[in-house]
Amino acid sequence: MMADDLLENAFLGFFAGLVVAVCGAYKDVPYEDFSATTFWRSPLIGALEAPVIASVFPKAPDALVFLSTIAVERLTVELWKVQRARMGVYAPAKFTTGEWGKPHWSKIKETA
């Protein structure tokens, strides 16, 4: 793999991770506080994983590398969260910031 290909695939992976991060933030922000650390995690992991995927499958079209990067990034992050939960150092915010399925900001509007 040439340096140009490596950079192109890293950018492709960064963009795939950015799509995951934006969609995840859109889905979770009403229920959890926004975290820049977890937002940028997906683009950075995608930028690392896409060149590996592209080097293992050198003839794969960019669209397939893009979609595969999304899948592998989600698998990596979710398995990491499961491992941290098993170690007792992580609990999803949806379970710690109030009733799951109910936006945390809705508590302000509640009346007895």
PDB file of N, CA and C in Angstrom:
ATOM      1  N   MET A   1       0.854  -1.180   0.000  1.00  0.00           N
ATOM      2  CA  MET A   1       0.000   0.000   0.000  1.00  0.00           C
ATOM      3  C   MET A   1       0.896   1.239   0.000  1.00  0.00           C
ATOM      4  N   MET A   2       0.624   2.137  -0.916  1.00  0.00           N
ATOM      5  CA  MET A   2       1.418   3.355  -1.021  1.00  0.00           C
ATOM      6  C   MET A   2       0.943   4.367   0.011  1.00  0.00           C
ATOM      7  N   ALA A   3       1.784   5.373   0.264  1.00  0.00           N
ATOM      8  CA  ALA A   3       1.460   6.387   1.275  1.00  0.00           C
ATOM      9  C   ALA A   3       0.172   7.135   0.919  1.00  0.00           C
ATOM     10  N   ASP A   4      -0.015   7.411  -0.374  1.00  0.00           N
ATOM     11  CA  ASP A   4      -1.244   8.104  -0.791  1.00  0.00           C
ATOM     12  C   ASP A   4      -2.474   7.268  -0.464  1.00  0.00           C
ATOM     13  N   ASP A   5      -2.377   5.967  -0.740  1.00  0.00           N
ATOM     14  CA  ASP A   5      -3.497   5.082  -0.429  1.00  0.00           C
ATOM     15  C   ASP A   5      -3.757   5.040   1.070  1.00  0.00           C
ATOM     16  N   LEU A   6      -2.695   5.020   1.858  1.00  0.00           N
ATOM     17  CA  LEU A   6      -2.839   4.992   3.307  1.00  0.00           C
ATOM     18  C   LEU A   6      -3.562   6.239   3.797  1.00  0.00           C
ATOM     19  N   LEU A   7      -3.148   7.392   3.298  1.00  0.00           N
ATOM     20  CA  LEU A   7      -3.781   8.651   3.694  1.00  0.00           C
ATOM     21  C   LEU A   7      -5.231   8.717   3.218  1.00  0.00           C
ATOM     22  N   GLU A   8      -5.483   8.284   2.000  1.00  0.00           N
ATOM     23  CA  GLU A   8      -6.855   8.289   1.469  1.00  0.00           C
ATOM     24  C   GLU A   8      -7.758   7.373   2.285  1.00  0.00           C
ATOM     25  N   ASN A   9      -7.253   6.194   2.613  1.00  0.00           N
ATOM     26  CA  ASN A   9      -8.062   5.259   3.406  1.00  0.00           C
ATOM     27  C   ASN A   9      -8.251   5.754   4.830  1.00  0.00           C
ATOM     28  N   ALA A  10      -7.247   6.414   5.391  1.00  0.00           N
ATOM     29  CA  ALA A  10      -7.399   6.987   6.728  1.00  0.00           C
ATOM     30  C   ALA A  10      -8.467   8.078   6.715  1.00  0.00           C
ATOM     31  N   PHE A  11      -8.479   8.906   5.675  1.00  0.00           N
ATOM     32  CA  PHE A  11      -9.504   9.936   5.547  1.00  0.00           C
ATOM     33  C   PHE A  11     -10.887   9.309   5.365  1.00  0.00           C
ATOM     34  N   LEU A  12     -10.952   8.250   4.557  1.00  0.00           N
ATOM     35  CA  LEU A  12     -12.215   7.546   4.343  1.00  0.00           C
ATOM     36  C   LEU A  12     -12.732   6.978   5.669  1.00  0.00           C
ATOM     37  N   GLY A  13     -11.824   6.408   6.455  1.00  0.00           N
ATOM     38  CA  GLY A  13     -12.200   5.869   7.757  1.00  0.00           C
ATOM     39  C   GLY A  13     -12.606   6.951   8.733  1.00  0.00           C
ATOM     40  N   PHE A  14     -11.901   8.086   8.693  1.00  0.00           N
ATOM     41  CA  PHE A  14     -12.259   9.211   9.554  1.00  0.00           C
ATOM     42  C   PHE A  14     -13.670   9.685   9.217  1.00  0.00           C
ATOM     43  N   PHE A  15     -13.980   9.771   7.935  1.00  0.00           N
ATOM     44  CA  PHE A  15     -15.311  10.207   7.508  1.00  0.00           C
ATOM     45  C   PHE A  15     -16.381   9.182   7.919  1.00  0.00           C
ATOM     46  N   ALA A  16     -16.074   7.889   7.782  1.00  0.00           N
ATOM     47  CA  ALA A  16     -17.019   6.848   8.212  1.00  0.00           C
ATOM     48  C   ALA A  16     -17.280   6.970   9.712  1.00  0.00           C
ATOM     49  N   GLY A  17     -16.217   7.183  10.496  1.00  0.00           N
ATOM     50  CA  GLY A  17     -16.376   7.357  11.934  1.00  0.00           C
ATOM     51  C   GLY A  17     -17.132   8.624  12.278  1.00  0.00           C
ATOM     52  N   LEU A  18     -16.935   9.668  11.484  1.00  0.00           N
ATOM     53  CA  LEU A  18     -17.651  10.921  11.709  1.00  0.00           C
ATOM     54  C   LEU A  18     -19.154  10.739  11.477  1.00  0.00           C
ATOM     55  N   VAL A  19     -19.510   9.956  10.478  1.00  0.00           N
ATOM     56  CA  VAL A  19     -20.927   9.649  10.239  1.00  0.00           C
ATOM     57  C   VAL A  19     -21.509   8.924  11.448  1.00  0.00           C
ATOM     58  N   VAL A  20     -20.761   7.950  11.966  1.00  0.00           N
ATOM     59  CA  VAL A  20     -21.212   7.210  13.153  1.00  0.00           C
ATOM     60  C   VAL A  20     -21.372   8.161  14.337  1.00  0.00           C
ATOM     61  N   ALA A  21     -20.400   9.053  14.536  1.00  0.00           N
ATOM     62  CA  ALA A  21     -20.424   9.975  15.675  1.00  0.00           C
ATOM     63  C   ALA A  21     -21.598  10.953  15.588  1.00  0.00           C
ATOM     64  N   VAL A  22     -21.833  11.497  14.413  1.00  0.00           N
ATOM     65  CA  VAL A  22     -22.940  12.447  14.246  1.00  0.00           C
ATOM     66  C   VAL A  22     -24.279  11.752  14.465  1.00  0.00           C
ATOM     67  N   CYS A  23     -24.444  10.571  13.884  1.00  0.00           N
ATOM     68  CA  CYS A  23     -25.708   9.839  14.073  1.00  0.00           C
ATOM     69  C   CYS A  23     -25.886   9.427  15.530  1.00  0.00           C
ATOM     70  N   GLY A  24     -24.815   9.006  16.182  1.00  0.00           N
ATOM     71  CA  GLY A  24     -24.896   8.628  17.582  1.00  0.00           C
ATOM     72  C   GLY A  24     -25.213   9.807  18.478  1.00  0.00           C
ATOM     73  N   ALA A  25     -24.608  10.952  18.188  1.00  0.00           N
ATOM     74  CA  ALA A  25     -24.891  12.152  18.976  1.00  0.00           C
ATOM     75  C   ALA A  25     -26.341  12.585  18.781  1.00  0.00           C
ATOM     76  N   TYR A  26     -26.819  12.529  17.555  1.00  0.00           N
ATOM     77  CA  TYR A  26     -28.214  12.892  17.271  1.00  0.00           C
ATOM     78  C   TYR A  26     -29.169  11.999  18.058  1.00  0.00           C
ATOM     79  N   LYS A  27     -28.839  10.711  18.137  1.00  0.00           N
ATOM     80  CA  LYS A  27     -29.692   9.752  18.829  1.00  0.00           C
ATOM     81  C   LYS A  27     -29.610   9.896  20.347  1.00  0.00           C
ATOM     82  N   ASP A  28     -28.418  10.162  20.886  1.00  0.00           N
ATOM     83  CA  ASP A  28     -28.210  10.098  22.336  1.00  0.00           C
ATOM     84  C   ASP A  28     -28.304  11.421  23.081  1.00  0.00           C
ATOM     85  N   VAL A  29     -28.073  12.549  22.435  1.00  0.00           N
ATOM     86  CA  VAL A  29     -28.023  13.822  23.163  1.00  0.00           C
ATOM     87  C   VAL A  29     -29.308  14.147  23.920  1.00  0.00           C
ATOM     88  N   PRO A  30     -30.493  13.803  23.432  1.00  0.00           N
ATOM     89  CA  PRO A  30     -31.672  14.078  24.261  1.00  0.00           C
ATOM     90  C   PRO A  30     -31.693  13.287  25.576  1.00  0.00           C
ATOM     91  N   TYR A  31     -30.944  12.187  25.641  1.00  0.00           N
ATOM     92  CA  TYR A  31     -30.965  11.320  26.812  1.00  0.00           C
ATOM     93  C   TYR A  31     -29.692  11.389  27.646  1.00  0.00           C
ATOM     94  N   GLU A  32     -28.591  11.774  27.042  1.00  0.00           N
ATOM     95  CA  GLU A  32     -27.296  11.841  27.719  1.00  0.00           C
ATOM     96  C   GLU A  32     -26.663  13.185  27.394  1.00  0.00           C
ATOM     97  N   ASP A  33     -25.749  13.616  28.231  1.00  0.00           N
ATOM     98  CA  ASP A  33     -25.007  14.840  27.936  1.00  0.00           C
ATOM     99  C   ASP A  33     -24.022  14.575  26.811  1.00  0.00           C
ATOM    100  N   PHE A  34     -23.741  15.601  25.998  1.00  0.00           N
ATOM    101  CA  PHE A  34     -22.778  15.479  24.910  1.00  0.00           C
ATOM    102  C   PHE A  34     -21.374  15.371  25.487  1.00  0.00           C
ATOM    103  N   SER A  35     -20.591  14.470  24.946  1.00  0.00           N
ATOM    104  CA  SER A  35     -19.204  14.294  25.367  1.00  0.00           C
ATOM    105  C   SER A  35     -18.303  14.347  24.145  1.00  0.00           C
ATOM    106  N   ALA A  36     -17.433  15.341  24.102  1.00  0.00           N
ATOM    107  CA  ALA A  36     -16.512  15.480  22.970  1.00  0.00           C
ATOM    108  C   ALA A  36     -15.564  14.289  22.884  1.00  0.00           C
ATOM    109  N   THR A  37     -15.208  13.726  24.017  1.00  0.00           N
ATOM    110  CA  THR A  37     -14.294  12.580  24.025  1.00  0.00           C
ATOM    111  C   THR A  37     -14.907  11.399  23.284  1.00  0.00           C
ATOM    112  N   THR A  38     -16.125  11.068  23.601  1.00  0.00           N
ATOM    113  CA  THR A  38     -16.754   9.935  22.928  1.00  0.00           C
ATOM    114  C   THR A  38     -17.167  10.294  21.504  1.00  0.00           C
ATOM    115  N   PHE A  39     -17.419  11.561  21.226  1.00  0.00           N
ATOM    116  CA  PHE A  39     -17.765  11.969  19.872  1.00  0.00           C
ATOM    117  C   PHE A  39     -16.587  11.730  18.922  1.00  0.00           C
ATOM    118  N   TRP A  40     -15.396  12.140  19.307  1.00  0.00           N
ATOM    119  CA  TRP A  40     -14.227  12.023  18.433  1.00  0.00           C
ATOM    120  C   TRP A  40     -13.603  10.636  18.448  1.00  0.00           C
ATOM    121  N   ARG A  41     -14.060   9.765  19.349  1.00  0.00           N
ATOM    122  CA  ARG A  41     -13.528   8.396  19.409  1.00  0.00           C
ATOM    123  C   ARG A  41     -13.798   7.660  18.098  1.00  0.00           C
ATOM    124  N   SER A  42     -14.998   7.725  17.580  1.00  0.00           N
ATOM    125  CA  SER A  42     -15.357   6.980  16.371  1.00  0.00           C
ATOM    126  C   SER A  42     -14.577   7.417  15.140  1.00  0.00           C
ATOM    127  N   PRO A  43     -14.431   8.727  14.864  1.00  0.00           N
ATOM    128  CA  PRO A  43     -13.622   9.110  13.706  1.00  0.00           C
ATOM    129  C   PRO A  43     -12.161   8.668  13.826  1.00  0.00           C
ATOM    130  N   LEU A  44     -11.601   8.731  15.016  1.00  0.00           N
ATOM    131  CA  LEU A  44     -10.202   8.337  15.183  1.00  0.00           C
ATOM    132  C   LEU A  44     -10.024   6.829  15.030  1.00  0.00           C
ATOM    133  N   ILE A  45     -10.927   6.064  15.592  1.00  0.00           N
ATOM    134  CA  ILE A  45     -10.850   4.610  15.421  1.00  0.00           C
ATOM    135  C   ILE A  45     -11.072   4.243  13.956  1.00  0.00           C
ATOM    136  N   GLY A  46     -12.013   4.909  13.305  1.00  0.00           N
ATOM    137  CA  GLY A  46     -12.244   4.659  11.880  1.00  0.00           C
ATOM    138  C   GLY A  46     -11.024   4.964  11.040  1.00  0.00           C
ATOM    139  N   ALA A  47     -10.310   6.034  11.384  1.00  0.00           N
ATOM    140  CA  ALA A  47      -9.104   6.404  10.639  1.00  0.00           C
ATOM    141  C   ALA A  47      -7.999   5.369  10.815  1.00  0.00           C
ATOM    142  N   LEU A  48      -7.998   4.670  11.926  1.00  0.00           N
ATOM    143  CA  LEU A  48      -7.013   3.611  12.150  1.00  0.00           C
ATOM    144  C   LEU A  48      -7.427   2.292  11.494  1.00  0.00           C
ATOM    145  N   GLU A  49      -8.718   2.009  11.477  1.00  0.00           N
ATOM    146  CA  GLU A  49      -9.182   0.716  10.987  1.00  0.00           C
ATOM    147  C   GLU A  49      -9.351   0.645   9.471  1.00  0.00           C
ATOM    148  N   ALA A  50      -9.719   1.725   8.825  1.00  0.00           N
ATOM    149  CA  ALA A  50      -9.951   1.684   7.375  1.00  0.00           C
ATOM    150  C   ALA A  50      -8.694   1.305   6.591  1.00  0.00           C
ATOM    151  N   PRO A  51      -7.505   1.848   6.906  1.00  0.00           N
ATOM    152  CA  PRO A  51      -6.324   1.401   6.164  1.00  0.00           C
ATOM    153  C   PRO A  51      -6.028  -0.091   6.346  1.00  0.00           C
ATOM    154  N   VAL A  52      -6.322  -0.622   7.515  1.00  0.00           N
ATOM    155  CA  VAL A  52      -6.125  -2.060   7.748  1.00  0.00           C
ATOM    156  C   VAL A  52      -7.093  -2.859   6.890  1.00  0.00           C
ATOM    157  N   ILE A  53      -8.351  -2.454   6.880  1.00  0.00           N
ATOM    158  CA  ILE A  53      -9.359  -3.147   6.065  1.00  0.00           C
ATOM    159  C   ILE A  53      -8.971  -3.078   4.593  1.00  0.00           C
ATOM    160  N   ALA A  54      -8.558  -1.901   4.146  1.00  0.00           N
ATOM    161  CA  ALA A  54      -8.196  -1.731   2.742  1.00  0.00           C
ATOM    162  C   ALA A  54      -6.946  -2.526   2.377  1.00  0.00           C
ATOM    163  N   SER A  55      -6.026  -2.715   3.322  1.00  0.00           N
ATOM    164  CA  SER A  55      -4.824  -3.490   3.008  1.00  0.00           C
ATOM    165  C   SER A  55      -5.128  -4.994   2.995  1.00  0.00           C
ATOM    166  N   VAL A  56      -6.083  -5.436   3.809  1.00  0.00           N
ATOM    167  CA  VAL A  56      -6.472  -6.846   3.805  1.00  0.00           C
ATOM    168  C   VAL A  56      -7.281  -7.176   2.549  1.00  0.00           C
ATOM    169  N   PHE A  57      -8.090  -6.239   2.109  1.00  0.00           N
ATOM    170  CA  PHE A  57      -8.906  -6.409   0.900  1.00  0.00           C
ATOM    171  C   PHE A  57      -8.542  -5.312  -0.103  1.00  0.00           C
ATOM    172  N   PRO A  58      -7.402  -5.435  -0.785  1.00  0.00           N
ATOM    173  CA  PRO A  58      -6.907  -4.342  -1.636  1.00  0.00           C
ATOM    174  C   PRO A  58      -7.776  -4.013  -2.850  1.00  0.00           C
ATOM    175  N   LYS A  59      -8.585  -4.942  -3.313  1.00  0.00           N
ATOM    176  CA  LYS A  59      -9.411  -4.678  -4.491  1.00  0.00           C
ATOM    177  C   LYS A  59     -10.832  -4.251  -4.130  1.00  0.00           C
ATOM    178  N   ALA A  60     -11.108  -4.073  -2.847  1.00  0.00           N
ATOM    179  CA  ALA A  60     -12.452  -3.674  -2.423  1.00  0.00           C
ATOM    180  C   ALA A  60     -12.722  -2.226  -2.834  1.00  0.00           C
ATOM    181  N   PRO A  61     -13.902  -1.951  -3.356  1.00  0.00           N
ATOM    182  CA  PRO A  61     -14.238  -0.569  -3.700  1.00  0.00           C
ATOM    183  C   PRO A  61     -14.339   0.295  -2.443  1.00  0.00           C
ATOM    184  N   ASP A  62     -14.172   1.599  -2.640  1.00  0.00           N
ATOM    185  CA  ASP A  62     -14.195   2.525  -1.499  1.00  0.00           C
ATOM    186  C   ASP A  62     -15.497   2.447  -0.706  1.00  0.00           C
ATOM    187  N   ALA A  63     -16.609   2.268  -1.385  1.00  0.00           N
ATOM    188  CA  ALA A  63     -17.899   2.186  -0.686  1.00  0.00           C
ATOM    189  C   ALA A  63     -17.924   0.992   0.261  1.00  0.00           C
ATOM    190  N   LEU A  64     -17.342  -0.120  -0.151  1.00  0.00           N
ATOM    191  CA  LEU A  64     -17.311  -1.299   0.706  1.00  0.00           C
ATOM    192  C   LEU A  64     -16.362  -1.087   1.888  1.00  0.00           C
ATOM    193  N   VAL A  65     -15.242  -0.437   1.657  1.00  0.00           N
ATOM    194  CA  VAL A  65     -14.320  -0.118   2.755  1.00  0.00           C
ATOM    195  C   VAL A  65     -15.004   0.834   3.738  1.00  0.00           C
ATOM    196  N   PHE A  66     -15.733   1.810   3.223  1.00  0.00           N
ATOM    197  CA  PHE A  66     -16.471   2.766   4.054  1.00  0.00           C
ATOM    198  C   PHE A  66     -17.474   2.046   4.955  1.00  0.00           C
ATOM    199  N   LEU A  67     -18.317   1.203   4.365  1.00  0.00           N
ATOM    200  CA  LEU A  67     -19.331   0.485   5.133  1.00  0.00           C
ATOM    201  C   LEU A  67     -18.701  -0.530   6.092  1.00  0.00           C
ATOM    202  N   SER A  68     -17.639  -1.185   5.657  1.00  0.00           N
ATOM    203  CA  SER A  68     -16.947  -2.137   6.530  1.00  0.00           C
ATOM    204  C   SER A  68     -16.311  -1.433   7.710  1.00  0.00           C
ATOM    205  N   THR A  69     -15.810  -0.236   7.479  1.00  0.00           N
ATOM    206  CA  THR A  69     -15.212   0.532   8.568  1.00  0.00           C
ATOM    207  C   THR A  69     -16.264   0.894   9.609  1.00  0.00           C
ATOM    208  N   ILE A  70     -17.443   1.273   9.162  1.00  0.00           N
ATOM    209  CA  ILE A  70     -18.523   1.562  10.103  1.00  0.00           C
ATOM    210  C   ILE A  70     -18.824   0.324  10.945  1.00  0.00           C
ATOM    211  N   ALA A  71     -18.929  -0.834  10.299  1.00  0.00           N
ATOM    212  CA  ALA A  71     -19.250  -2.062  11.014  1.00  0.00           C
ATOM    213  C   ALA A  71     -18.151  -2.448  12.001  1.00  0.00           C
ATOM    214  N   VAL A  72     -16.897  -2.389  11.573  1.00  0.00           N
ATOM    215  CA  VAL A  72     -15.788  -2.784  12.443  1.00  0.00           C
ATOM    216  C   VAL A  72     -15.612  -1.776  13.577  1.00  0.00           C
ATOM    217  N   GLU A  73     -15.819  -0.499  13.303  1.00  0.00           N
ATOM    218  CA  GLU A  73     -15.721   0.517  14.359  1.00  0.00           C
ATOM    219  C   GLU A  73     -16.779   0.280  15.424  1.00  0.00           C
ATOM    220  N   ARG A  74     -18.019   0.009  15.011  1.00  0.00           N
ATOM    221  CA  ARG A  74     -19.087  -0.253  15.977  1.00  0.00           C
ATOM    222  C   ARG A  74     -18.776  -1.499  16.797  1.00  0.00           C
ATOM    223  N   LEU A  75     -18.296  -2.537  16.137  1.00  0.00           N
ATOM    224  CA  LEU A  75     -17.937  -3.769  16.834  1.00  0.00           C
ATOM    225  C   LEU A  75     -16.837  -3.507  17.856  1.00  0.00           C
ATOM    226  N   THR A  76     -15.822  -2.769  17.471  1.00  0.00           N
ATOM    227  CA  THR A  76     -14.708  -2.457  18.367  1.00  0.00           C
ATOM    228  C   THR A  76     -15.181  -1.676  19.579  1.00  0.00           C
ATOM    229  N   VAL A  77     -15.921  -0.602  19.361  1.00  0.00           N
ATOM    230  CA  VAL A  77     -16.352   0.264  20.462  1.00  0.00           C
ATOM    231  C   VAL A  77     -17.325  -0.459  21.389  1.00  0.00           C
ATOM    232  N   GLU A  78     -18.278  -1.179  20.826  1.00  0.00           N
ATOM    233  CA  GLU A  78     -19.264  -1.857  21.669  1.00  0.00           C
ATOM    234  C   GLU A  78     -18.630  -2.990  22.476  1.00  0.00           C
ATOM    235  N   LEU A  79     -17.705  -3.721  21.895  1.00  0.00           N
ATOM    236  CA  LEU A  79     -17.011  -4.760  22.659  1.00  0.00           C
ATOM    237  C   LEU A  79     -16.140  -4.153  23.759  1.00  0.00           C
ATOM    238  N   TRP A  80     -15.531  -3.010  23.480  1.00  0.00           N
ATOM    239  CA  TRP A  80     -14.745  -2.318  24.503  1.00  0.00           C
ATOM    240  C   TRP A  80     -15.647  -1.864  25.657  1.00  0.00           C
ATOM    241  N   LYS A  81     -16.831  -1.365  25.339  1.00  0.00           N
ATOM    242  CA  LYS A  81     -17.757  -0.941  26.391  1.00  0.00           C
ATOM    243  C   LYS A  81     -18.233  -2.133  27.220  1.00  0.00           C
ATOM    244  N   VAL A  82     -18.470  -3.273  26.579  1.00  0.00           N
ATOM    245  CA  VAL A  82     -18.862  -4.476  27.322  1.00  0.00           C
ATOM    246  C   VAL A  82     -17.740  -4.902  28.256  1.00  0.00           C
ATOM    247  N   GLN A  83     -16.512  -4.881  27.765  1.00  0.00           N
ATOM    248  CA  GLN A  83     -15.377  -5.273  28.603  1.00  0.00           C
ATOM    249  C   GLN A  83     -15.239  -4.337  29.808  1.00  0.00           C
ATOM    250  N   ARG A  84     -15.382  -3.046  29.577  1.00  0.00           N
ATOM    251  CA  ARG A  84     -15.283  -2.083  30.684  1.00  0.00           C
ATOM    252  C   ARG A  84     -16.434  -2.266  31.670  1.00  0.00           C
ATOM    253  N   ALA A  85     -17.626  -2.591  31.184  1.00  0.00           N
ATOM    254  CA  ALA A  85     -18.759  -2.830  32.078  1.00  0.00           C
ATOM    255  C   ALA A  85     -18.518  -4.078  32.926  1.00  0.00           C
ATOM    256  N   ARG A  86     -17.933  -5.083  32.332  1.00  0.00           N
ATOM    257  CA  ARG A  86     -17.624  -6.301  33.086  1.00  0.00           C
ATOM    258  C   ARG A  86     -16.567  -6.045  34.159  1.00  0.00           C
ATOM    259  N   MET A  87     -15.653  -5.126  33.898  1.00  0.00           N
ATOM    260  CA  MET A  87     -14.629  -4.790  34.891  1.00  0.00           C
ATOM    261  C   MET A  87     -15.184  -3.878  35.975  1.00  0.00           C
ATOM    262  N   GLY A  88     -16.385  -3.343  35.764  1.00  0.00           N
ATOM    263  CA  GLY A  88     -17.024  -2.490  36.757  1.00  0.00           C
ATOM    264  C   GLY A  88     -16.581  -1.040  36.698  1.00  0.00           C
ATOM    265  N   VAL A  89     -15.970  -0.613  35.603  1.00  0.00           N
ATOM    266  CA  VAL A  89     -15.502   0.773  35.497  1.00  0.00           C
ATOM    267  C   VAL A  89     -16.355   1.606  34.546  1.00  0.00           C
ATOM    268  N   TYR A  90     -17.440   1.044  34.042  1.00  0.00           N
ATOM    269  CA  TYR A  90     -18.265   1.759  33.067  1.00  0.00           C
ATOM    270  C   TYR A  90     -19.724   1.355  33.251  1.00  0.00           C
ATOM    271  N   ALA A  91     -20.581   2.346  33.214  1.00  0.00           N
ATOM    272  CA  ALA A  91     -22.029   2.114  33.161  1.00  0.00           C
ATOM    273  C   ALA A  91     -22.587   3.088  32.136  1.00  0.00           C
ATOM    274  N   PRO A  92     -23.375   2.616  31.180  1.00  0.00           N
ATOM    275  CA  PRO A  92     -23.926   3.519  30.184  1.00  0.00           C
ATOM    276  C   PRO A  92     -24.683   4.673  30.828  1.00  0.00           C
ATOM    277  N   ALA A  93     -24.512   5.857  30.292  1.00  0.00           N
ATOM    278  CA  ALA A  93     -25.145   7.052  30.865  1.00  0.00           C
ATOM    279  C   ALA A  93     -26.661   6.943  30.857  1.00  0.00           C
ATOM    280  N   LYS A  94     -27.207   6.203  29.912  1.00  0.00           N
ATOM    281  CA  LYS A  94     -28.672   6.085  29.874  1.00  0.00           C
ATOM    282  C   LYS A  94     -29.216   5.394  31.109  1.00  0.00           C
ATOM    283  N   PHE A  95     -28.354   4.652  31.831  1.00  0.00           N
ATOM    284  CA  PHE A  95     -28.781   4.002  33.061  1.00  0.00           C
ATOM    285  C   PHE A  95     -28.435   4.816  34.301  1.00  0.00           C
ATOM    286  N   THR A  96     -27.603   5.841  34.142  1.00  0.00           N
ATOM    287  CA  THR A  96     -27.164   6.610  35.308  1.00  0.00           C
ATOM    288  C   THR A  96     -27.737   8.021  35.364  1.00  0.00           C
ATOM    289  N   THR A  97     -28.322   8.513  34.274  1.00  0.00           N
ATOM    290  CA  THR A  97     -28.813   9.892  34.250  1.00  0.00           C
ATOM    291  C   THR A  97     -30.333   9.966  34.298  1.00  0.00           C
ATOM    292  N   GLY A  98     -30.969   8.956  34.771  1.00  0.00           N
ATOM    293  CA  GLY A  98     -32.421   9.023  34.882  1.00  0.00           C
ATOM    294  C   GLY A  98     -33.084   7.853  34.205  1.00  0.00           C
ATOM    295  N   GLU A  99     -34.354   7.953  34.069  1.00  0.00           N
ATOM    296  CA  GLU A  99     -35.140   6.873  33.496  1.00  0.00           C
ATOM    297  C   GLU A  99     -34.779   6.686  32.031  1.00  0.00           C
ATOM    298  N   TRP A 100     -34.459   5.467  31.659  1.00  0.00           N
ATOM    299  CA  TRP A 100     -34.064   5.181  30.284  1.00  0.00           C
ATOM    300  C   TRP A 100     -35.250   5.399  29.351  1.00  0.00           C
ATOM    301  N   GLY A 101     -35.007   6.060  28.250  1.00  0.00           N
ATOM    302  CA  GLY A 101     -36.060   6.313  27.292  1.00  0.00           C
ATOM    303  C   GLY A 101     -36.770   7.631  27.507  1.00  0.00           C
ATOM    304  N   LYS A 102     -36.381   8.362  28.525  1.00  0.00           N
ATOM    305  CA  LYS A 102     -37.010   9.649  28.805  1.00  0.00           C
ATOM    306  C   LYS A 102     -35.914  10.709  28.804  1.00  0.00           C
ATOM    307  N   PRO A 103     -36.005  11.737  27.978  1.00  0.00           N
ATOM    308  CA  PRO A 103     -34.947  12.752  27.935  1.00  0.00           C
ATOM    309  C   PRO A 103     -34.674  13.354  29.309  1.00  0.00           C
ATOM    310  N   HIS A 104     -33.382  13.526  29.635  1.00  0.00           N
ATOM    311  CA  HIS A 104     -33.014  14.059  30.951  1.00  0.00           C
ATOM    312  C   HIS A 104     -33.505  15.489  31.151  1.00  0.00           C
ATOM    313  N   TRP A 105     -33.647  16.267  30.069  1.00  0.00           N
ATOM    314  CA  TRP A 105     -34.101  17.645  30.201  1.00  0.00           C
ATOM    315  C   TRP A 105     -35.597  17.716  30.460  1.00  0.00           C
ATOM    316  N   SER A 106     -36.312  16.603  30.274  1.00  0.00           N
ATOM    317  CA  SER A 106     -37.758  16.640  30.476  1.00  0.00           C
ATOM    318  C   SER A 106     -38.135  16.726  31.941  1.00  0.00           C
ATOM    319  N   LYS A 107     -37.185  16.453  32.841  1.00  0.00           N
ATOM    320  CA  LYS A 107     -37.465  16.546  34.274  1.00  0.00           C
ATOM    321  C   LYS A 107     -37.841  17.960  34.675  1.00  0.00           C
ATOM    322  N   ILE A 108     -37.342  18.948  33.966  1.00  0.00           N
ATOM    323  CA  ILE A 108     -37.625  20.342  34.270  1.00  0.00           C
ATOM    324  C   ILE A 108     -39.114  20.628  34.069  1.00  0.00           C
ATOM    325  N   LYS A 109     -39.729  20.018  33.059  1.00  0.00           N
ATOM    326  CA  LYS A 109     -41.112  20.316  32.721  1.00  0.00           C
ATOM    327  C   LYS A 109     -42.117  19.482  33.523  1.00  0.00           C
ATOM    328  N   GLU A 110     -41.628  18.523  34.279  1.00  0.00           N
ATOM    329  CA  GLU A 110     -42.550  17.658  35.031  1.00  0.00           C
ATOM    330  C   GLU A 110     -43.224  18.420  36.158  1.00  0.00           C
ATOM    331  N   THR A 111     -44.472  18.129  36.338  1.00  0.00           N
ATOM    332  CA  THR A 111     -45.208  18.647  37.489  1.00  0.00           C
ATOM    333  C   THR A 111     -45.825  17.453  38.192  1.00  0.00           C
ATOM    334  N   ALA A 112     -45.936  17.555  39.497  1.00  0.00           N
ATOM    335  CA  ALA A 112     -46.430  16.446  40.294  1.00  0.00           C
ATOM    336  C   ALA A 112     -47.683  15.917  39.670  1.00  0.00           C
TER     337      ALA A 112
END
